[in-house]
Amino acid sequence: MSAKLEKQAATHASVLHNVKRQVFQSVPQLPSDISLVGKTALVTGSNVGLGLECARYFLKLRPSRLVIAVRSIEKGETAAKSLRTEFPDAKIEVWQLDMESYRSVQAFAARCEKELDRLHVAVLNAALAKIKLERVKDGRQREVTLQVNYLSTALLAILLLPIMKPTSYSPEPARLTIITSDASLGEKLQDPGQTSLLDSLDQPQRYDGFTQYARSKLLITMFAARLAETVDPDDVIINSCNPGATKGTEFMREGSWVLKALFALFFSLVGRTAVDAARIYVHAALVLGKESHGSYTDWLVRAWPVMMYGEQNRKIQKKLWDETMKELSFAKVNEVLKKN
């Protein structure tokens, strides 16, 4: 478990260490015996990039049903059309999910409960990075990166738990994998004291798009670890997964030409292919077992971000959890967790 790897955290957070891992460590192939036969899988943000490649990997494992969750049905259907050509016998469904809207997240989760007998595997991949501060029009009008990468992802993770619980005809644990980033590994948070932690991360003063992205991924990693404490791994194995730097994604697509050029150069030198990076998703979601519950992973269990160790940091994590539960209380998230 990541909780036992504190001595490795600082090393794992270093840029040099991550570059070495990117360049000199190859993503292992998947075991030949893993299968999704008879199971339902879900991937959010799966019309492009790593989400689409993860969906393609899942289809190779022959699930009975694959749900592609996307903001744009039109773009989702375009992606599904290419997958259906490749996998003509597969059952691929495109469902709308707008992570900028709490109402959309609730509606999506309600549809899952209504239409799925059980959800066996969910990969929460949908995320974004905004260079300029923008606000959603839903709820408390939070900053978009904070809303999509953290708050809506946390809400969706909780609301999916009931439909992921084992049944008499499907008793094995379900898998919930939340995608994070190595940008979170060395990121820091300051305790704002009596001020709300979430509010302190939602201010326009000195807003920086990449820092906000890194913080949002740190928050969701903290959340996944705390959520795992409330869920029995015999019911749902929860982990967070870092695919590493990857070529050919739309990361920082809204940045200046200088920023995009710098990221493109870095990714071209050390980035993995989308196919390899998506295979890391599958390792986290299907190959790793209960030892990964609550942990930070790629194809192995790794150390959490540095910020998740130490007494003072644990207090900040608790504050984050309490504020998140309060923020999402409209969806009765505490009641959902008590039933699991």
Protein backbone atom coordinates (compact mmCIF):
# COMPACT_ATOMS: atom_id res chain seq x y z
CA MET A 1 0.00 0.00 0.00
CA SER A 2 1.06 3.58 -0.65
CA ALA A 3 0.70 4.36 3.07
CA LYS A 4 3.82 2.28 3.74
CA LEU A 5 5.98 3.95 1.09
CA GLU A 6 6.61 7.36 2.68
CA LYS A 7 10.40 7.03 2.38
CA GLN A 8 10.04 6.80 -1.39
CA ALA A 9 7.72 9.78 -1.81
CA ALA A 10 10.30 12.56 -2.16
CA THR A 11 12.32 10.57 -4.69
CA HIS A 12 9.25 9.68 -6.71
CA ALA A 13 8.25 13.34 -6.82
CA SER A 14 11.52 14.47 -8.41
CA VAL A 15 11.55 15.40 -12.08
CA LEU A 16 14.73 13.40 -12.69
CA HIS A 17 13.21 10.23 -11.24
CA ASN A 18 10.11 10.58 -13.37
CA VAL A 19 12.10 11.24 -16.53
CA LYS A 20 14.19 8.11 -15.84
CA ARG A 21 11.04 6.04 -15.34
CA GLN A 22 9.53 7.41 -18.53
CA VAL A 23 12.62 6.70 -20.60
CA PHE A 24 14.00 3.49 -19.11
CA GLN A 25 10.97 1.60 -17.77
CA SER A 26 8.61 -0.07 -20.22
CA VAL A 27 4.95 -0.59 -19.49
CA PRO A 28 4.43 -4.35 -19.05
CA GLN A 29 2.08 -6.29 -21.25
CA LEU A 30 -1.25 -7.38 -19.82
CA PRO A 31 -1.58 -10.90 -18.41
CA SER A 32 -3.16 -13.26 -20.91
CA ASP A 33 -5.81 -14.47 -18.49
CA ILE A 34 -7.61 -11.19 -17.72
CA SER A 35 -11.10 -10.94 -19.16
CA LEU A 36 -14.21 -8.77 -19.07
CA VAL A 37 -16.53 -11.47 -20.41
CA GLY A 38 -19.95 -11.05 -18.83
CA LYS A 39 -19.01 -7.69 -17.28
CA THR A 40 -19.96 -4.05 -17.78
CA ALA A 41 -17.25 -1.39 -18.03
CA LEU A 42 -17.36 2.40 -18.06
CA VAL A 43 -14.78 4.96 -19.18
CA THR A 44 -15.40 8.70 -18.83
CA GLY A 45 -13.91 11.20 -21.25
CA SER A 46 -13.47 8.39 -23.73
CA ASN A 47 -14.02 9.95 -27.15
CA VAL A 48 -10.33 10.96 -27.52
CA GLY A 49 -6.87 10.31 -26.15
CA LEU A 50 -6.22 7.94 -23.29
CA GLY A 51 -9.89 7.44 -22.55
CA LEU A 52 -10.48 6.20 -26.09
CA GLU A 53 -7.43 3.92 -25.96
CA CYS A 54 -8.59 2.52 -22.62
CA ALA A 55 -12.01 1.80 -24.14
CA ARG A 56 -10.28 0.00 -27.00
CA TYR A 57 -8.28 -2.15 -24.56
CA PHE A 58 -11.43 -3.02 -22.65
CA LEU A 59 -13.16 -4.10 -25.86
CA LYS A 60 -10.31 -6.50 -26.58
CA LEU A 61 -11.26 -8.19 -23.29
CA ARG A 62 -14.83 -8.76 -24.57
CA PRO A 63 -17.10 -7.06 -22.02
CA SER A 64 -20.82 -7.66 -22.31
CA ARG A 65 -21.30 -3.88 -22.34
CA LEU A 66 -19.07 -0.82 -22.60
CA VAL A 67 -20.36 2.63 -21.71
CA ILE A 68 -18.52 5.58 -23.21
CA ALA A 69 -19.34 8.64 -21.09
CA VAL A 70 -18.79 11.92 -22.93
CA ARG A 71 -19.85 15.54 -22.86
CA SER A 72 -20.68 15.62 -26.57
CA ILE A 73 -22.88 12.79 -27.84
CA GLU A 74 -21.89 13.66 -31.40
CA LYS A 75 -18.18 13.28 -30.67
CA GLY A 76 -18.87 10.17 -28.63
CA GLU A 77 -20.75 8.56 -31.49
CA THR A 78 -17.90 9.36 -33.85
CA ALA A 79 -15.50 7.55 -31.52
CA ALA A 80 -17.96 4.68 -31.04
CA LYS A 81 -18.35 4.29 -34.80
CA SER A 82 -14.62 3.65 -35.20
CA LEU A 83 -14.68 1.18 -32.30
CA ARG A 84 -17.72 -0.65 -33.70
CA THR A 85 -15.87 -1.08 -36.98
CA GLU A 86 -12.99 -2.64 -35.08
CA PHE A 87 -15.20 -4.67 -32.72
CA PRO A 88 -18.41 -5.40 -34.67
CA ASP A 89 -19.84 -7.78 -32.05
CA ALA A 90 -19.32 -5.43 -29.10
CA LYS A 91 -22.13 -3.62 -27.30
CA ILE A 92 -20.93 -0.02 -27.11
CA GLU A 93 -23.19 2.69 -25.69
CA VAL A 94 -22.58 6.43 -25.68
CA TRP A 95 -24.01 8.24 -22.66
CA GLN A 96 -23.87 11.96 -21.98
CA LEU A 97 -21.92 13.20 -18.97
CA ASP A 98 -21.00 16.85 -18.50
CA MET A 99 -18.51 17.08 -15.64
CA GLU A 100 -19.04 20.83 -15.39
CA SER A 101 -22.56 20.14 -14.11
CA TYR A 102 -23.51 18.47 -10.85
CA ARG A 103 -26.97 17.87 -12.30
CA SER A 104 -25.47 16.00 -15.23
CA VAL A 105 -23.36 13.85 -12.90
CA GLN A 106 -26.43 13.00 -10.82
CA ALA A 107 -28.48 12.19 -13.91
CA PHE A 108 -25.72 9.97 -15.26
CA ALA A 109 -25.39 8.04 -11.99
CA ALA A 110 -29.18 7.64 -11.82
CA ARG A 111 -29.16 6.22 -15.34
CA CYS A 112 -26.47 3.74 -14.33
CA GLU A 113 -28.61 2.51 -11.44
CA LYS A 114 -31.66 2.26 -13.68
CA GLU A 115 -30.15 0.60 -16.74
CA LEU A 116 -27.21 -1.47 -15.50
CA ASP A 117 -27.57 -4.70 -13.56
CA ARG A 118 -24.12 -4.06 -12.15
CA LEU A 119 -21.13 -1.89 -13.03
CA HIS A 120 -17.98 -4.00 -12.71
CA VAL A 121 -15.28 -1.57 -13.83
CA ALA A 122 -15.21 2.23 -13.95
CA VAL A 123 -12.28 4.37 -15.07
CA LEU A 124 -12.85 8.04 -14.24
CA ASN A 125 -10.62 9.65 -16.82
CA ALA A 126 -12.43 12.88 -17.77
CA ALA A 127 -10.29 15.92 -16.91
CA LEU A 128 -9.07 19.21 -18.30
CA ALA A 129 -6.56 22.01 -17.80
CA LYS A 130 -7.55 25.66 -18.22
CA ILE A 131 -4.93 28.33 -18.78
CA LYS A 132 -7.29 31.16 -17.88
CA LEU A 133 -9.68 31.10 -14.97
CA GLU A 134 -13.20 30.16 -15.99
CA ARG A 135 -16.23 29.32 -13.86
CA VAL A 136 -18.96 26.76 -14.36
CA LYS A 137 -22.57 27.88 -14.44
CA ASP A 138 -23.69 25.12 -12.10
CA GLY A 139 -23.88 24.96 -8.30
CA ARG A 140 -21.50 27.37 -6.58
CA GLN A 141 -19.93 28.38 -9.89
CA ARG A 142 -16.59 26.91 -9.01
CA GLU A 143 -13.47 27.34 -11.12
CA VAL A 144 -13.72 24.84 -13.99
CA THR A 145 -10.57 22.77 -13.31
CA LEU A 146 -11.47 22.39 -9.64
CA GLN A 147 -15.02 21.40 -10.58
CA VAL A 148 -14.24 18.88 -13.32
CA ASN A 149 -11.06 17.26 -12.06
CA TYR A 150 -12.01 17.18 -8.42
CA LEU A 151 -15.53 17.97 -7.23
CA SER A 152 -17.55 16.34 -10.02
CA THR A 153 -15.19 13.37 -10.16
CA ALA A 154 -15.56 12.90 -6.40
CA LEU A 155 -19.34 13.12 -6.70
CA LEU A 156 -19.45 10.59 -9.53
CA ALA A 157 -17.19 8.18 -7.65
CA ILE A 158 -19.51 8.18 -4.64
CA LEU A 159 -22.73 7.93 -6.64
CA LEU A 160 -21.43 4.95 -8.64
CA LEU A 161 -20.69 2.86 -5.54
CA PRO A 162 -24.21 1.39 -5.07
CA ILE A 163 -24.34 -0.04 -8.60
CA MET A 164 -20.81 -1.46 -8.19
CA LYS A 165 -21.55 -3.59 -5.11
CA PRO A 166 -21.31 -7.37 -5.53
CA THR A 167 -24.42 -9.41 -6.19
CA SER A 168 -25.23 -13.07 -5.69
CA TYR A 169 -24.58 -13.81 -9.36
CA SER A 170 -21.56 -11.48 -9.58
CA PRO A 171 -19.76 -11.73 -6.20
CA GLU A 172 -16.27 -10.51 -7.15
CA PRO A 173 -15.13 -6.98 -6.18
CA ALA A 174 -15.77 -4.18 -8.65
CA ARG A 175 -12.95 -1.85 -9.73
CA LEU A 176 -13.01 1.94 -9.49
CA THR A 177 -9.91 3.64 -10.89
CA ILE A 178 -9.56 7.42 -10.75
CA ILE A 179 -6.97 8.96 -13.06
CA THR A 180 -4.41 11.28 -11.47
CA SER A 181 -1.10 12.76 -12.66
CA ASP A 182 2.56 12.88 -11.71
CA ALA A 183 2.05 16.65 -11.58
CA SER A 184 0.47 16.01 -8.18
CA LEU A 185 3.50 14.29 -6.66
CA GLY A 186 5.37 17.34 -5.42
CA GLU A 187 2.45 19.78 -5.28
CA LYS A 188 1.83 21.59 -1.98
CA LEU A 189 -1.28 22.88 -0.25
CA GLN A 190 -1.37 25.47 2.50
CA ASP A 191 -3.85 25.18 5.35
CA PRO A 192 -5.85 28.43 5.13
CA GLY A 193 -6.76 28.23 8.79
CA GLN A 194 -10.35 29.26 9.45
CA THR A 195 -10.92 29.87 5.73
CA SER A 196 -12.41 27.13 3.55
CA LEU A 197 -9.74 25.08 1.80
CA LEU A 198 -11.89 24.70 -1.31
CA ASP A 199 -12.59 28.42 -1.39
CA SER A 200 -8.87 29.16 -1.07
CA LEU A 201 -8.28 27.11 -4.24
CA ASP A 202 -11.02 28.92 -6.09
CA GLN A 203 -9.67 32.47 -6.15
CA PRO A 204 -8.66 34.50 -9.21
CA GLN A 205 -5.64 36.10 -7.52
CA ARG A 206 -2.41 34.70 -8.97
CA TYR A 207 -4.31 31.98 -10.84
CA ASP A 208 -1.99 29.68 -12.75
CA GLY A 209 -3.48 27.03 -15.02
CA PHE A 210 -0.84 24.33 -14.65
CA THR A 211 -0.62 24.78 -10.86
CA GLN A 212 -4.39 24.49 -10.61
CA TYR A 213 -4.29 21.33 -12.69
CA ALA A 214 -1.61 19.83 -10.42
CA ARG A 215 -3.57 20.79 -7.32
CA SER A 216 -6.78 19.32 -8.69
CA LYS A 217 -5.00 16.01 -9.27
CA LEU A 218 -3.54 16.11 -5.75
CA LEU A 219 -7.03 16.70 -4.37
CA ILE A 220 -8.56 13.76 -6.22
CA THR A 221 -5.70 11.49 -5.11
CA MET A 222 -6.30 12.54 -1.50
CA PHE A 223 -10.00 11.94 -1.96
CA ALA A 224 -9.55 8.48 -3.48
CA ALA A 225 -7.40 7.40 -0.53
CA ARG A 226 -9.97 8.67 1.98
CA LEU A 227 -12.89 7.20 0.03
CA ALA A 228 -11.17 3.80 0.10
CA GLU A 229 -11.21 3.93 3.90
CA THR A 230 -15.02 3.96 3.81
CA VAL A 231 -15.38 1.11 1.28
CA ASP A 232 -14.66 -2.59 1.80
CA PRO A 233 -12.20 -3.79 -0.89
CA ASP A 234 -14.23 -7.01 -1.04
CA ASP A 235 -16.96 -4.80 -2.52
CA VAL A 236 -15.04 -2.22 -4.60
CA ILE A 237 -11.28 -1.86 -5.04
CA ILE A 238 -10.53 1.85 -5.36
CA ASN A 239 -7.21 3.23 -6.57
CA SER A 240 -5.79 6.25 -8.36
CA CYS A 241 -3.69 5.77 -11.47
CA ASN A 242 -0.96 7.90 -13.01
CA PRO A 243 -0.28 7.16 -16.71
CA GLY A 244 2.73 9.50 -16.87
CA ALA A 245 3.62 11.94 -19.63
CA THR A 246 1.95 10.86 -22.86
CA LYS A 247 2.38 11.88 -26.47
CA GLY A 248 -0.50 12.89 -28.68
CA THR A 249 -3.05 13.94 -26.06
CA GLU A 250 -4.83 17.30 -25.94
CA PHE A 251 -3.21 18.32 -22.66
CA MET A 252 -2.80 22.09 -22.36
CA ARG A 253 -4.48 22.52 -25.74
CA GLU A 254 -5.73 25.96 -24.67
CA GLY A 255 -2.29 27.26 -23.73
CA SER A 256 -0.19 29.83 -25.56
CA TRP A 257 1.85 28.65 -28.51
CA VAL A 258 4.99 28.87 -26.34
CA LEU A 259 3.48 26.66 -23.62
CA LYS A 260 2.13 24.17 -26.14
CA ALA A 261 5.51 24.04 -27.88
CA LEU A 262 7.32 23.38 -24.59
CA PHE A 263 4.95 20.59 -23.60
CA ALA A 264 5.08 19.11 -27.11
CA LEU A 265 8.88 19.06 -26.99
CA PHE A 266 8.96 17.47 -23.53
CA PHE A 267 6.39 14.83 -24.44
CA SER A 268 8.16 14.05 -27.72
CA LEU A 269 11.38 13.36 -25.80
CA VAL A 270 10.09 11.37 -22.82
CA GLY A 271 6.39 10.76 -23.40
CA ARG A 272 4.81 7.34 -23.69
CA THR A 273 2.51 6.47 -26.56
CA ALA A 274 -1.20 6.67 -25.81
CA VAL A 275 -1.42 2.90 -26.30
CA ASP A 276 1.22 2.25 -23.62
CA ALA A 277 -0.23 4.82 -21.23
CA ALA A 278 -3.74 3.41 -21.60
CA ARG A 279 -2.35 -0.03 -20.79
CA ILE A 280 -1.37 1.44 -17.41
CA TYR A 281 -5.06 2.29 -16.90
CA VAL A 282 -5.95 -1.33 -17.54
CA HIS A 283 -3.27 -2.59 -15.16
CA ALA A 284 -4.63 -0.38 -12.39
CA ALA A 285 -8.25 -1.26 -13.11
CA LEU A 286 -7.98 -5.00 -13.75
CA VAL A 287 -4.57 -6.43 -12.83
CA LEU A 288 -3.77 -4.85 -9.48
CA GLY A 289 -5.73 -6.31 -6.59
CA LYS A 290 -6.70 -5.42 -3.05
CA GLU A 291 -3.13 -4.38 -2.30
CA SER A 292 -3.83 -1.26 -4.39
CA HIS A 293 -6.95 -0.23 -2.45
CA GLY A 294 -6.60 3.47 -1.63
CA SER A 295 -3.18 3.62 -3.27
CA TYR A 296 -1.43 5.61 -5.97
CA THR A 297 -0.47 3.37 -8.86
CA ASP A 298 0.78 2.93 -12.34
CA TRP A 299 1.28 -0.78 -13.06
CA LEU A 300 2.61 -1.09 -9.50
CA VAL A 301 1.63 0.44 -6.18
CA ARG A 302 3.68 3.62 -5.74
CA ALA A 303 4.16 6.22 -3.00
CA TRP A 304 1.46 8.83 -2.57
CA PRO A 305 2.29 12.48 -3.30
CA VAL A 306 4.57 13.98 -0.63
CA MET A 307 1.68 16.13 0.60
CA MET A 308 -0.21 13.04 1.81
CA TYR A 309 2.29 12.08 4.52
CA GLY A 310 2.76 13.58 7.98
CA GLU A 311 0.37 14.61 10.75
CA GLN A 312 -0.17 18.18 9.56
CA ASN A 313 -0.91 17.03 6.03
CA ARG A 314 -3.37 14.44 7.33
CA LYS A 315 -5.23 17.30 9.03
CA ILE A 316 -5.45 19.08 5.68
CA GLN A 317 -6.75 15.87 4.08
CA LYS A 318 -9.44 15.62 6.74
CA LYS A 319 -10.39 19.23 6.18
CA LEU A 320 -10.64 18.57 2.44
CA TRP A 321 -12.83 15.51 3.02
CA ASP A 322 -15.15 17.33 5.42
CA GLU A 323 -15.53 20.31 3.07
CA THR A 324 -16.12 18.03 0.10
CA MET A 325 -18.85 16.11 1.91
CA LYS A 326 -20.47 19.43 2.82
CA GLU A 327 -20.18 20.74 -0.75
CA LEU A 328 -21.77 17.57 -2.13
CA SER A 329 -24.37 17.18 0.61
CA PHE A 330 -27.15 18.15 -1.83
CA ALA A 331 -26.63 14.68 -3.38
CA LYS A 332 -26.88 12.97 0.04
CA VAL A 333 -23.38 11.57 -0.34
CA ASN A 334 -23.05 10.72 3.36
CA GLU A 335 -26.15 8.57 3.13
CA VAL A 336 -24.75 6.79 0.07
CA LEU A 337 -21.52 6.01 1.90
CA LYS A 338 -23.31 4.78 5.02
CA LYS A 339 -25.16 2.20 2.91
CA ASN A 340 -21.93 0.81 1.46
